Amino acid sequence: MDLKVGFAIVYLCALAISSTEAGIPKCCFSVKMDIPLHVLVRVQRWSVQQSRGACDIPALILHIKGLRKPICAHLKLKRALMALQARVKRSRQTA
């Protein structure tokens, strides 16, 4: 009987740990200001992290082609990134 109880406890602990990992948000804890231009050109998509809830700093989350982990950038880079993406889009249309 004790073996079954021990197995049940281990099973429930493993289940609790695996289910709580999905509930933990992935947040930026620090941001970079100086991101090279060759990296900014490879941005596939980006999103804004608000400073609410578990994520306590505002950040620009950049998903870069060829990198597994996103880069956390300062929100001031948003305007430059949007201008760069518009310029790249225009150059692709004229080519």
Protein backbone atom coordinates (compact mmCIF):
# COMPACT_ATOMS: atom_id res chain seq x y z
CA MET A 1 0.00 0.00 0.00
CA ASP A 2 2.82 2.42 0.82
CA LEU A 3 4.38 1.92 -2.61
CA LYS A 4 1.12 2.88 -4.34
CA VAL A 5 0.78 6.02 -2.24
CA GLY A 6 4.38 7.01 -2.95
CA PHE A 7 3.90 6.44 -6.67
CA ALA A 8 0.70 8.51 -6.64
CA ILE A 9 2.45 11.38 -4.87
CA VAL A 10 5.36 11.38 -7.33
CA TYR A 11 2.94 11.21 -10.26
CA LEU A 12 0.84 14.12 -8.95
CA CYS A 13 3.95 16.25 -8.31
CA ALA A 14 5.23 15.62 -11.84
CA LEU A 15 1.81 16.47 -13.25
CA ALA A 16 1.63 19.70 -11.22
CA ILE A 17 5.10 20.82 -12.35
CA SER A 18 4.45 20.13 -16.02
CA SER A 19 1.08 21.89 -16.01
CA THR A 20 2.35 25.02 -14.25
CA GLU A 21 5.14 25.59 -16.77
CA ALA A 22 2.54 26.45 -19.40
CA GLY A 23 1.07 29.10 -17.09
CA ILE A 24 4.34 30.94 -16.50
CA PRO A 25 4.61 33.88 -18.92
CA LYS A 26 7.83 34.43 -20.84
CA CYS A 27 8.88 37.96 -19.97
CA CYS A 28 11.71 40.30 -20.79
CA PHE A 29 13.60 41.22 -17.63
CA SER A 30 16.06 43.55 -19.34
CA VAL A 31 16.19 45.34 -22.68
CA LYS A 32 18.92 46.15 -25.17
CA MET A 33 19.32 49.58 -26.76
CA ASP A 34 22.08 48.85 -29.24
CA ILE A 35 20.94 46.18 -31.70
CA PRO A 36 23.00 46.00 -34.91
CA LEU A 37 21.35 46.90 -38.18
CA HIS A 38 22.04 43.48 -39.69
CA VAL A 39 20.00 41.94 -36.86
CA LEU A 40 17.13 44.41 -37.22
CA VAL A 41 16.86 43.58 -40.93
CA ARG A 42 16.24 39.91 -40.04
CA VAL A 43 13.25 40.63 -37.76
CA GLN A 44 10.37 38.39 -38.84
CA ARG A 45 7.82 39.68 -36.36
CA TRP A 46 7.69 41.73 -33.21
CA SER A 47 5.33 42.38 -30.32
CA VAL A 48 5.14 44.81 -27.44
CA GLN A 49 5.35 43.65 -23.83
CA GLN A 50 3.34 45.90 -21.56
CA SER A 51 4.48 46.57 -18.00
CA ARG A 52 1.49 44.89 -16.42
CA GLY A 53 1.10 41.72 -14.39
CA ALA A 54 4.06 39.34 -14.23
CA CYS A 55 6.05 41.21 -16.88
CA ASP A 56 7.08 44.38 -15.09
CA ILE A 57 8.98 46.32 -17.81
CA PRO A 58 7.83 47.57 -21.21
CA ALA A 59 9.79 45.95 -24.03
CA LEU A 60 9.80 45.28 -27.74
CA ILE A 61 10.07 41.52 -28.33
CA LEU A 62 11.87 40.84 -31.60
CA HIS A 63 11.64 37.43 -33.26
CA ILE A 64 14.73 37.14 -35.45
CA LYS A 65 15.11 34.73 -38.37
CA GLY A 66 17.70 32.10 -37.44
CA LEU A 67 17.53 32.66 -33.66
CA ARG A 68 15.59 30.41 -31.31
CA LYS A 69 15.11 32.97 -28.54
CA PRO A 70 13.64 36.41 -29.15
CA ILE A 71 15.57 39.58 -28.36
CA CYS A 72 14.19 42.07 -25.85
CA ALA A 73 14.69 45.62 -27.11
CA HIS A 74 13.85 49.01 -25.70
CA LEU A 75 10.55 50.48 -26.92
CA LYS A 76 12.43 53.44 -28.42
CA LEU A 77 13.61 51.09 -31.19
CA LYS A 78 10.03 50.53 -32.38
CA ARG A 79 9.97 53.63 -34.60
CA ALA A 80 13.34 52.81 -36.17
CA LEU A 81 12.29 49.20 -36.74
CA MET A 82 9.04 50.24 -38.43
CA ALA A 83 10.89 52.70 -40.68
CA LEU A 84 13.47 50.04 -41.60
CA GLN A 85 10.77 47.47 -42.41
CA ALA A 86 8.92 50.01 -44.58
CA ARG A 87 12.15 50.82 -46.45
CA VAL A 88 12.88 47.12 -47.03
CA LYS A 89 9.32 46.57 -48.25
CA ARG A 90 9.57 49.49 -50.69
CA SER A 91 12.88 48.26 -52.06
CA ARG A 92 11.43 44.78 -52.64
CA GLN A 93 8.46 46.26 -54.54
CA THR A 94 10.66 48.29 -56.88
CA ALA A 95 13.09 45.44 -57.57
